[in-house]
Amino acid sequence: MTRHAVHKWRARYPPGSSHPFPEPDVEIDGAPGWAAHRVAEIEQWRAGLPGRGAGGGRPSASWQRYLDRAAELGLDRDEATRLVGAMTEERPEMTETQIHEWLLDRWQDHG
């Protein structure tokens, strides 16, 4: 994510809005900063932007990596999407990004 994109999102989605951008962990000289362990949280926020998913916008980077690998293994987009849906129900504590990475890790030795 670029600095410009973060600035734009913070302005468009302030605290109290319907989809507030995650608050930074620190601000130094007006520049916000987030801890590295919060990347998945910010990716999940970004994936939930209006117009994304369900036919709108580009897939997130983790979705694209997952879809590319699923296709290499013979899954079509619908099958790959249903698999993530099933995993989300089975492992509700995991974010979608974590599910993508978990599946990609298990698929490393295949095909």
Protein backbone atom coordinates (compact mmCIF):
# COMPACT_ATOMS: atom_id res chain seq x y z
CA MET A 1 0.00 0.00 0.00
CA THR A 2 1.31 3.39 -0.85
CA ARG A 3 1.50 6.31 1.54
CA HIS A 4 -0.88 8.20 -0.74
CA ALA A 5 -3.48 5.40 -0.61
CA VAL A 6 -3.34 5.28 3.19
CA HIS A 7 -3.73 9.07 3.40
CA LYS A 8 -6.72 8.90 1.04
CA TRP A 9 -8.38 6.03 2.94
CA ARG A 10 -7.88 7.71 6.32
CA ALA A 11 -9.55 10.86 4.97
CA ARG A 12 -12.43 8.97 3.31
CA TYR A 13 -13.00 6.48 6.15
CA PRO A 14 -12.38 8.35 9.44
CA PRO A 15 -13.21 7.02 12.92
CA GLY A 16 -16.97 6.93 13.34
CA SER A 17 -17.64 6.27 9.64
CA SER A 18 -19.38 3.11 8.45
CA HIS A 19 -16.02 1.52 7.52
CA PRO A 20 -13.29 3.32 9.55
CA PHE A 21 -9.68 2.76 8.56
CA PRO A 22 -7.73 1.02 11.38
CA GLU A 23 -6.19 3.52 13.76
CA PRO A 24 -2.37 3.74 13.61
CA ASP A 25 -0.25 2.41 16.46
CA VAL A 26 1.94 5.51 16.38
CA GLU A 27 2.22 8.91 14.66
CA ILE A 28 5.62 10.55 14.28
CA ASP A 29 5.71 14.09 12.88
CA GLY A 30 2.22 13.52 11.49
CA ALA A 31 3.17 10.28 9.70
CA PRO A 32 1.06 7.30 10.83
CA GLY A 33 2.57 3.88 11.48
CA TRP A 34 1.15 0.42 12.08
CA ALA A 35 2.81 -2.61 13.66
CA ALA A 36 3.77 -5.33 11.17
CA HIS A 37 1.45 -7.85 12.83
CA ARG A 38 -1.52 -5.67 11.79
CA VAL A 39 -1.01 -6.11 8.03
CA ALA A 40 -3.70 -8.83 7.85
CA GLU A 41 -6.14 -6.53 9.69
CA ILE A 42 -5.51 -3.75 7.17
CA GLU A 43 -5.79 -6.16 4.21
CA GLN A 44 -9.10 -7.41 5.61
CA TRP A 45 -10.29 -3.80 5.99
CA ARG A 46 -9.29 -3.10 2.38
CA ALA A 47 -11.09 -6.24 1.13
CA GLY A 48 -14.27 -4.95 2.79
CA LEU A 49 -14.28 -1.63 0.93
CA PRO A 50 -17.55 -0.86 -0.85
CA GLY A 51 -17.49 -2.18 -4.41
CA ARG A 52 -14.94 -4.91 -3.69
CA GLY A 53 -15.72 -8.62 -3.98
CA ALA A 54 -19.00 -9.94 -5.43
CA GLY A 55 -17.97 -8.82 -8.88
CA GLY A 56 -16.57 -5.42 -7.90
CA GLY A 57 -12.98 -4.28 -7.89
CA ARG A 58 -9.79 -6.27 -8.20
CA PRO A 59 -9.12 -9.29 -6.00
CA SER A 60 -6.71 -8.67 -3.13
CA ALA A 61 -3.12 -9.84 -3.55
CA SER A 62 -3.73 -12.87 -1.32
CA TRP A 63 -6.89 -13.77 -3.26
CA GLN A 64 -5.02 -13.51 -6.55
CA ARG A 65 -2.12 -15.71 -5.34
CA TYR A 66 -4.64 -18.22 -4.02
CA LEU A 67 -6.72 -18.22 -7.22
CA ASP A 68 -3.62 -18.59 -9.40
CA ARG A 69 -2.39 -21.61 -7.43
CA ALA A 70 -5.88 -23.15 -7.26
CA ALA A 71 -6.09 -22.89 -11.07
CA GLU A 72 -2.67 -24.57 -11.40
CA LEU A 73 -4.10 -27.45 -9.35
CA GLY A 74 -7.20 -27.73 -11.57
CA LEU A 75 -9.77 -25.82 -9.49
CA ASP A 76 -11.97 -23.33 -11.30
CA ARG A 77 -12.80 -19.98 -9.66
CA ASP A 78 -16.16 -21.19 -8.29
CA GLU A 79 -14.58 -24.29 -6.72
CA ALA A 80 -11.78 -22.20 -5.21
CA THR A 81 -14.29 -19.68 -3.83
CA ARG A 82 -16.46 -22.44 -2.32
CA LEU A 83 -13.38 -23.96 -0.67
CA VAL A 84 -12.53 -20.64 1.02
CA GLY A 85 -16.19 -20.33 2.11
CA ALA A 86 -16.10 -23.79 3.67
CA MET A 87 -12.79 -23.02 5.39
CA THR A 88 -14.21 -19.75 6.74
CA GLU A 89 -17.06 -21.68 8.35
CA GLU A 90 -14.71 -24.35 9.68
CA ARG A 91 -12.12 -21.88 11.01
CA PRO A 92 -13.97 -18.67 11.96
CA GLU A 93 -10.98 -17.42 13.96
CA MET A 94 -8.96 -17.05 10.75
CA THR A 95 -9.16 -14.09 8.39
CA GLU A 96 -9.65 -14.73 4.70
CA THR A 97 -6.02 -13.79 4.07
CA GLN A 98 -4.89 -16.31 6.69
CA ILE A 99 -7.02 -19.00 5.02
CA HIS A 100 -5.42 -18.24 1.64
CA GLU A 101 -1.93 -18.51 3.14
CA TRP A 102 -2.84 -21.67 5.08
CA LEU A 103 -4.09 -23.37 1.90
CA LEU A 104 -1.12 -22.18 -0.15
CA ASP A 105 1.24 -23.63 2.48
CA ARG A 106 -0.49 -27.02 2.25
CA TRP A 107 -0.42 -26.96 -1.54
CA GLN A 108 3.32 -26.30 -1.82
CA ASP A 109 4.20 -29.95 -2.34
CA HIS A 110 1.45 -30.61 -4.91
CA GLY A 111 1.51 -30.31 -8.66
